[in-house]
Amino acid sequence: MDKRVVKPFQRGVALVISLIMLTAMMMAGIALFRKISAGSMIAGNLTFISSAISAAEQGSETGRTWLMLQTASGLYGAAAGYFPASCYSNDTHITTDVNCNAAGAPVFDPTTFDWTAFSTLVTTNDGAGNEIRYVAHRLCRMTGELDKIGQECVIAQIATGGSGGHMNVSYGTQSLASNSKPYYRITTRVRGPRNSLAYTQITLY
């Protein structure tokens, strides 16, 4: 009759192997948990970014509505978020002559612009935790009238009579009457939960 005796050394080896396997399983579980957590965080961040981009439409529409009222009345209020030239300098921009072609003239950069001081606040919370601000720039190199000496603007020629199109219209040898309208750029910034940021721009005339 064969009787096998398990020696204490063999029991110790089995215990060590069991501990190694248990440690490996625990590490695999931790790695899986971290992967799932990272995926959830990424998905959450994408959701916040999508919400911020959607909220930016409210800022663009608010800016467009304000700009249409101003262009219709010919009165540009001293709104913090309006600049009559494509660049900016400070809050006296509306009343101070600015030439964006001049040496040292600033270039509008949404990521470094002082949104707190020089933008129009639409809302601090749209219901989803988004703060919405916008600025509007007239796409001209200088402040002042469109026919100002040295002025350069992106303009649209709008026909006031006749037929045959909207831009630079003519009939036979005589040009139809037209109005020059400058283009405007509305830049919206939305700051949402988890420091999410979204910038959008629209151009209109």
C-alpha atoms as a PDB file:
ATOM      1  CA  MET A   1       0.000   0.000   0.000  1.00  0.00           C
ATOM      2  CA  ASP A   2       1.505   3.297  -1.204  1.00  0.00           C
ATOM      3  CA  LYS A   3       1.208   6.078   1.312  1.00  0.00           C
ATOM      4  CA  ARG A   4       2.484   9.501   0.292  1.00  0.00           C
ATOM      5  CA  VAL A   5       3.497  11.927   2.944  1.00  0.00           C
ATOM      6  CA  VAL A   6       3.178  15.664   2.265  1.00  0.00           C
ATOM      7  CA  LYS A   7       6.207  17.323   3.669  1.00  0.00           C
ATOM      8  CA  PRO A   8       6.062  20.773   5.344  1.00  0.00           C
ATOM      9  CA  PHE A   9       8.297  22.166   2.568  1.00  0.00           C
ATOM     10  CA  GLN A  10       5.715  21.230  -0.068  1.00  0.00           C
ATOM     11  CA  ARG A  11       2.988  22.938   1.934  1.00  0.00           C
ATOM     12  CA  GLY A  12       5.123  26.104   2.026  1.00  0.00           C
ATOM     13  CA  VAL A  13       5.633  26.081  -1.753  1.00  0.00           C
ATOM     14  CA  ALA A  14       1.893  25.747  -2.317  1.00  0.00           C
ATOM     15  CA  LEU A  15       1.253  28.693  -0.003  1.00  0.00           C
ATOM     16  CA  VAL A  16       3.771  30.883  -1.819  1.00  0.00           C
ATOM     17  CA  ILE A  17       2.266  30.009  -5.222  1.00  0.00           C
ATOM     18  CA  SER A  18      -1.217  30.758  -3.899  1.00  0.00           C
ATOM     19  CA  LEU A  19      -0.102  34.157  -2.605  1.00  0.00           C
ATOM     20  CA  ILE A  20       1.545  34.997  -5.940  1.00  0.00           C
ATOM     21  CA  MET A  21      -1.613  34.089  -7.842  1.00  0.00           C
ATOM     22  CA  LEU A  22      -3.761  36.075  -5.414  1.00  0.00           C
ATOM     23  CA  THR A  23      -1.497  39.126  -5.813  1.00  0.00           C
ATOM     24  CA  ALA A  24      -1.600  38.835  -9.615  1.00  0.00           C
ATOM     25  CA  MET A  25      -5.408  38.615  -9.576  1.00  0.00           C
ATOM     26  CA  MET A  26      -5.616  41.634  -7.269  1.00  0.00           C
ATOM     27  CA  MET A  27      -3.346  43.690  -9.534  1.00  0.00           C
ATOM     28  CA  ALA A  28      -5.386  42.712 -12.580  1.00  0.00           C
ATOM     29  CA  GLY A  29      -8.540  43.785 -10.764  1.00  0.00           C
ATOM     30  CA  ILE A  30      -7.028  47.148  -9.840  1.00  0.00           C
ATOM     31  CA  ALA A  31      -5.886  47.716 -13.433  1.00  0.00           C
ATOM     32  CA  LEU A  32      -9.365  46.885 -14.732  1.00  0.00           C
ATOM     33  CA  PHE A  33     -10.976  49.222 -12.203  1.00  0.00           C
ATOM     34  CA  ARG A  34      -8.653  52.073 -13.157  1.00  0.00           C
ATOM     35  CA  LYS A  35      -9.331  51.503 -16.839  1.00  0.00           C
ATOM     36  CA  ILE A  36     -13.070  51.616 -16.285  1.00  0.00           C
ATOM     37  CA  SER A  37     -12.728  54.742 -14.116  1.00  0.00           C
ATOM     38  CA  ALA A  38     -10.578  56.475 -16.754  1.00  0.00           C
ATOM     39  CA  GLY A  39     -13.084  55.583 -19.460  1.00  0.00           C
ATOM     40  CA  SER A  40     -15.936  56.979 -17.381  1.00  0.00           C
ATOM     41  CA  MET A  41     -13.979  60.181 -16.729  1.00  0.00           C
ATOM     42  CA  ILE A  42     -13.205  60.640 -20.419  1.00  0.00           C
ATOM     43  CA  ALA A  43     -16.842  60.041 -21.319  1.00  0.00           C
ATOM     44  CA  GLY A  44     -17.903  62.555 -18.678  1.00  0.00           C
ATOM     45  CA  ASN A  45     -15.458  65.172 -19.947  1.00  0.00           C
ATOM     46  CA  LEU A  46     -16.681  64.691 -23.519  1.00  0.00           C
ATOM     47  CA  THR A  47     -20.225  65.196 -22.285  1.00  0.00           C
ATOM     48  CA  PHE A  48     -19.265  68.462 -20.585  1.00  0.00           C
ATOM     49  CA  ILE A  49     -17.463  69.669 -23.716  1.00  0.00           C
ATOM     50  CA  SER A  50     -20.485  68.815 -25.891  1.00  0.00           C
ATOM     51  CA  SER A  51     -22.718  70.683 -23.450  1.00  0.00           C
ATOM     52  CA  ALA A  52     -20.424  73.714 -23.568  1.00  0.00           C
ATOM     53  CA  ILE A  53     -20.374  73.768 -27.372  1.00  0.00           C
ATOM     54  CA  SER A  54     -24.167  73.576 -27.449  1.00  0.00           C
ATOM     55  CA  ALA A  55     -24.391  76.374 -24.882  1.00  0.00           C
ATOM     56  CA  ALA A  56     -22.157  78.540 -27.080  1.00  0.00           C
ATOM     57  CA  GLU A  57     -25.022  78.846 -29.536  1.00  0.00           C
ATOM     58  CA  GLN A  58     -26.879  80.903 -26.940  1.00  0.00           C
ATOM     59  CA  GLY A  59     -23.959  83.331 -26.749  1.00  0.00           C
ATOM     60  CA  SER A  60     -23.710  83.593 -30.544  1.00  0.00           C
ATOM     61  CA  GLU A  61     -27.438  84.234 -30.869  1.00  0.00           C
ATOM     62  CA  THR A  62     -27.412  86.843 -28.100  1.00  0.00           C
ATOM     63  CA  GLY A  63     -24.502  88.633 -29.760  1.00  0.00           C
ATOM     64  CA  ARG A  64     -26.168  88.459 -33.174  1.00  0.00           C
ATOM     65  CA  THR A  65     -29.422  89.886 -31.813  1.00  0.00           C
ATOM     66  CA  TRP A  66     -27.606  92.763 -30.102  1.00  0.00           C
ATOM     67  CA  LEU A  67     -25.551  93.485 -33.210  1.00  0.00           C
ATOM     68  CA  MET A  68     -28.633  93.536 -35.469  1.00  0.00           C
ATOM     69  CA  LEU A  69     -30.359  96.027 -33.179  1.00  0.00           C
ATOM     70  CA  GLN A  70     -27.275  98.232 -33.177  1.00  0.00           C
ATOM     71  CA  THR A  71     -26.755  98.161 -36.952  1.00  0.00           C
ATOM     72  CA  ALA A  72     -30.461  98.865 -37.520  1.00  0.00           C
ATOM     73  CA  SER A  73     -30.453 101.905 -35.235  1.00  0.00           C
ATOM     74  CA  GLY A  74     -26.942 103.085 -36.036  1.00  0.00           C
ATOM     75  CA  LEU A  75     -26.144 103.279 -32.336  1.00  0.00           C
ATOM     76  CA  TYR A  76     -23.334 101.217 -30.903  1.00  0.00           C
ATOM     77  CA  GLY A  77     -23.612 101.195 -27.145  1.00  0.00           C
ATOM     78  CA  ALA A  78     -20.567 101.099 -24.918  1.00  0.00           C
ATOM     79  CA  ALA A  79     -20.969  97.373 -24.413  1.00  0.00           C
ATOM     80  CA  ALA A  80     -17.882  95.773 -22.983  1.00  0.00           C
ATOM     81  CA  GLY A  81     -17.920  93.117 -25.672  1.00  0.00           C
ATOM     82  CA  TYR A  82     -17.990  95.255 -28.833  1.00  0.00           C
ATOM     83  CA  PHE A  83     -14.858  96.321 -30.739  1.00  0.00           C
ATOM     84  CA  PRO A  84     -15.067  98.357 -33.972  1.00  0.00           C
ATOM     85  CA  ALA A  85     -11.764  96.927 -35.218  1.00  0.00           C
ATOM     86  CA  SER A  86     -10.569  93.371 -35.660  1.00  0.00           C
ATOM     87  CA  CYS A  87      -7.955  93.724 -32.923  1.00  0.00           C
ATOM     88  CA  TYR A  88      -8.397  95.143 -29.422  1.00  0.00           C
ATOM     89  CA  SER A  89      -6.494  97.274 -26.940  1.00  0.00           C
ATOM     90  CA  ASN A  90      -8.532  98.010 -23.816  1.00  0.00           C
ATOM     91  CA  ASP A  91     -11.951  99.128 -22.623  1.00  0.00           C
ATOM     92  CA  THR A  92     -11.504 102.561 -24.267  1.00  0.00           C
ATOM     93  CA  HIS A  93     -11.379 100.838 -27.652  1.00  0.00           C
ATOM     94  CA  ILE A  94     -14.765 102.241 -28.632  1.00  0.00           C
ATOM     95  CA  THR A  95     -13.738 105.884 -28.253  1.00  0.00           C
ATOM     96  CA  THR A  96     -10.022 105.625 -29.026  1.00  0.00           C
ATOM     97  CA  ASP A  97      -8.681 105.471 -32.594  1.00  0.00           C
ATOM     98  CA  VAL A  98      -7.134 102.079 -33.204  1.00  0.00           C
ATOM     99  CA  ASN A  99      -5.164 100.897 -36.215  1.00  0.00           C
ATOM    100  CA  CYS A 100      -4.638  97.151 -36.271  1.00  0.00           C
ATOM    101  CA  ASN A 101      -1.921  97.601 -38.901  1.00  0.00           C
ATOM    102  CA  ALA A 102       0.176  99.713 -36.565  1.00  0.00           C
ATOM    103  CA  ALA A 103       3.359  98.302 -35.079  1.00  0.00           C
ATOM    104  CA  GLY A 104       2.694  96.556 -31.815  1.00  0.00           C
ATOM    105  CA  ALA A 105      -1.062  96.331 -32.359  1.00  0.00           C
ATOM    106  CA  PRO A 106      -2.485  93.363 -30.469  1.00  0.00           C
ATOM    107  CA  VAL A 107      -3.957  90.345 -32.195  1.00  0.00           C
ATOM    108  CA  PHE A 108      -7.207  88.949 -30.856  1.00  0.00           C
ATOM    109  CA  ASP A 109      -6.520  85.556 -29.297  1.00  0.00           C
ATOM    110  CA  PRO A 110      -9.495  83.972 -27.489  1.00  0.00           C
ATOM    111  CA  THR A 111      -7.197  81.911 -25.269  1.00  0.00           C
ATOM    112  CA  THR A 112      -5.339  84.940 -23.845  1.00  0.00           C
ATOM    113  CA  PHE A 113      -8.097  87.569 -24.078  1.00  0.00           C
ATOM    114  CA  ASP A 114      -9.307  89.056 -20.771  1.00  0.00           C
ATOM    115  CA  TRP A 115     -12.845  87.712 -20.911  1.00  0.00           C
ATOM    116  CA  THR A 116     -13.732  88.879 -17.423  1.00  0.00           C
ATOM    117  CA  ALA A 117     -13.029  92.547 -18.124  1.00  0.00           C
ATOM    118  CA  PHE A 118     -13.808  93.042 -21.820  1.00  0.00           C
ATOM    119  CA  SER A 119     -16.633  90.681 -22.791  1.00  0.00           C
ATOM    120  CA  THR A 120     -20.408  90.671 -22.533  1.00  0.00           C
ATOM    121  CA  LEU A 121     -21.762  88.237 -19.957  1.00  0.00           C
ATOM    122  CA  VAL A 122     -24.803  86.315 -21.179  1.00  0.00           C
ATOM    123  CA  THR A 123     -25.314  84.166 -18.090  1.00  0.00           C
ATOM    124  CA  THR A 124     -23.289  82.817 -15.198  1.00  0.00           C
ATOM    125  CA  ASN A 125     -25.228  79.554 -15.247  1.00  0.00           C
ATOM    126  CA  ASP A 126     -27.373  78.298 -18.092  1.00  0.00           C
ATOM    127  CA  GLY A 127     -28.835  75.519 -15.943  1.00  0.00           C
ATOM    128  CA  ALA A 128     -26.059  73.097 -16.808  1.00  0.00           C
ATOM    129  CA  GLY A 129     -23.307  74.964 -14.991  1.00  0.00           C
ATOM    130  CA  ASN A 130     -22.031  76.861 -18.060  1.00  0.00           C
ATOM    131  CA  GLU A 131     -20.902  80.491 -17.967  1.00  0.00           C
ATOM    132  CA  ILE A 132     -21.406  82.138 -21.382  1.00  0.00           C
ATOM    133  CA  ARG A 133     -19.612  85.261 -22.635  1.00  0.00           C
ATOM    134  CA  TYR A 134     -19.151  86.789 -26.082  1.00  0.00           C
ATOM    135  CA  VAL A 135     -17.279  89.556 -27.887  1.00  0.00           C
ATOM    136  CA  ALA A 136     -18.101  91.107 -31.264  1.00  0.00           C
ATOM    137  CA  HIS A 137     -15.491  92.540 -33.620  1.00  0.00           C
ATOM    138  CA  ARG A 138     -16.130  94.599 -36.724  1.00  0.00           C
ATOM    139  CA  LEU A 139     -13.776  93.146 -39.302  1.00  0.00           C
ATOM    140  CA  CYS A 140     -12.021  96.405 -40.101  1.00  0.00           C
ATOM    141  CA  ARG A 141      -8.389  97.368 -39.673  1.00  0.00           C
ATOM    142  CA  MET A 142      -9.276 100.712 -38.084  1.00  0.00           C
ATOM    143  CA  THR A 143     -11.988 102.296 -36.010  1.00  0.00           C
ATOM    144  CA  GLY A 144     -14.111 104.944 -37.679  1.00  0.00           C
ATOM    145  CA  GLU A 145     -16.130 105.162 -40.878  1.00  0.00           C
ATOM    146  CA  LEU A 146     -15.854 102.683 -43.735  1.00  0.00           C
ATOM    147  CA  ASP A 147     -14.607 105.416 -46.085  1.00  0.00           C
ATOM    148  CA  LYS A 148     -11.963 106.633 -43.655  1.00  0.00           C
ATOM    149  CA  ILE A 149      -8.541 107.147 -45.274  1.00  0.00           C
ATOM    150  CA  GLY A 150      -6.503 103.969 -44.901  1.00  0.00           C
ATOM    151  CA  GLN A 151      -9.504 101.960 -43.772  1.00  0.00           C
ATOM    152  CA  GLU A 152      -9.664  98.289 -44.747  1.00  0.00           C
ATOM    153  CA  CYS A 153     -12.782  96.256 -44.069  1.00  0.00           C
ATOM    154  CA  VAL A 154     -14.250  92.954 -45.118  1.00  0.00           C
ATOM    155  CA  ILE A 155     -17.491  94.183 -46.692  1.00  0.00           C
ATOM    156  CA  ALA A 156     -20.488  92.859 -48.589  1.00  0.00           C
ATOM    157  CA  GLN A 157     -22.021  94.884 -51.409  1.00  0.00           C
ATOM    158  CA  ILE A 158     -25.783  94.592 -51.011  1.00  0.00           C
ATOM    159  CA  ALA A 159     -27.833  95.597 -54.056  1.00  0.00           C
ATOM    160  CA  THR A 160     -30.747  97.942 -53.324  1.00  0.00           C
ATOM    161  CA  GLY A 161     -32.558  97.514 -56.625  1.00  0.00           C
ATOM    162  CA  GLY A 162     -32.829  95.483 -59.806  1.00  0.00           C
ATOM    163  CA  SER A 163     -32.278  91.765 -60.111  1.00  0.00           C
ATOM    164  CA  GLY A 164     -29.528  89.316 -60.720  1.00  0.00           C
ATOM    165  CA  GLY A 165     -27.768  88.587 -57.448  1.00  0.00           C
ATOM    166  CA  HIS A 166     -26.544  90.081 -54.223  1.00  0.00           C
ATOM    167  CA  MET A 167     -22.866  90.898 -54.690  1.00  0.00           C
ATOM    168  CA  ASN A 168     -21.479  93.625 -57.013  1.00  0.00           C
ATOM    169  CA  VAL A 169     -24.612  93.720 -59.124  1.00  0.00           C
ATOM    170  CA  SER A 170     -24.767  95.501 -62.482  1.00  0.00           C
ATOM    171  CA  TYR A 171     -27.236  95.686 -65.364  1.00  0.00           C
ATOM    172  CA  GLY A 172     -25.905  96.450 -68.803  1.00  0.00           C
ATOM    173  CA  THR A 173     -23.364  99.246 -68.465  1.00  0.00           C
ATOM    174  CA  GLN A 174     -24.910 100.910 -65.425  1.00  0.00           C
ATOM    175  CA  SER A 175     -24.252  99.609 -61.939  1.00  0.00           C
ATOM    176  CA  LEU A 176     -27.174  99.231 -59.606  1.00  0.00           C
ATOM    177  CA  ALA A 177     -27.221 101.124 -56.340  1.00  0.00           C
ATOM    178  CA  SER A 178     -25.712  99.176 -53.446  1.00  0.00           C
ATOM    179  CA  ASN A 179     -24.891  99.509 -49.790  1.00  0.00           C
ATOM    180  CA  SER A 180     -21.618  98.448 -48.232  1.00  0.00           C
ATOM    181  CA  LYS A 181     -22.018  96.466 -45.042  1.00  0.00           C
ATOM    182  CA  PRO A 182     -19.037  95.362 -42.977  1.00  0.00           C
ATOM    183  CA  TYR A 183     -18.698  91.840 -41.700  1.00  0.00           C
ATOM    184  CA  TYR A 184     -18.674  91.128 -37.990  1.00  0.00           C
ATOM    185  CA  ARG A 185     -17.181  88.271 -36.017  1.00  0.00           C
ATOM    186  CA  ILE A 186     -18.786  87.031 -32.817  1.00  0.00           C
ATOM    187  CA  THR A 187     -16.577  84.904 -30.579  1.00  0.00           C
ATOM    188  CA  THR A 188     -18.210  83.030 -27.723  1.00  0.00           C
ATOM    189  CA  ARG A 189     -16.502  81.426 -24.767  1.00  0.00           C
ATOM    190  CA  VAL A 190     -18.216  78.912 -22.497  1.00  0.00           C
ATOM    191  CA  ARG A 191     -16.687  77.789 -19.215  1.00  0.00           C
ATOM    192  CA  GLY A 192     -18.365  74.706 -17.816  1.00  0.00           C
ATOM    193  CA  PRO A 193     -17.976  72.124 -15.056  1.00  0.00           C
ATOM    194  CA  ARG A 194     -14.558  70.493 -14.528  1.00  0.00           C
ATOM    195  CA  ASN A 195     -12.963  73.609 -16.075  1.00  0.00           C
ATOM    196  CA  SER A 196     -14.219  72.637 -19.518  1.00  0.00           C
ATOM    197  CA  LEU A 197     -13.766  75.391 -22.114  1.00  0.00           C
ATOM    198  CA  ALA A 198     -15.329  75.815 -25.525  1.00  0.00           C
ATOM    199  CA  TYR A 199     -14.827  78.584 -28.098  1.00  0.00           C
ATOM    200  CA  THR A 200     -16.975  79.189 -31.163  1.00  0.00           C
ATOM    201  CA  GLN A 201     -16.953  81.898 -33.829  1.00  0.00           C
ATOM    202  CA  ILE A 202     -19.512  83.032 -36.364  1.00  0.00           C
ATOM    203  CA  THR A 203     -19.192  85.662 -39.109  1.00  0.00           C
ATOM    204  CA  LEU A 204     -22.135  87.746 -40.289  1.00  0.00           C
ATOM    205  CA  TYR A 205     -23.071  91.064 -41.876  1.00  0.00           C
END
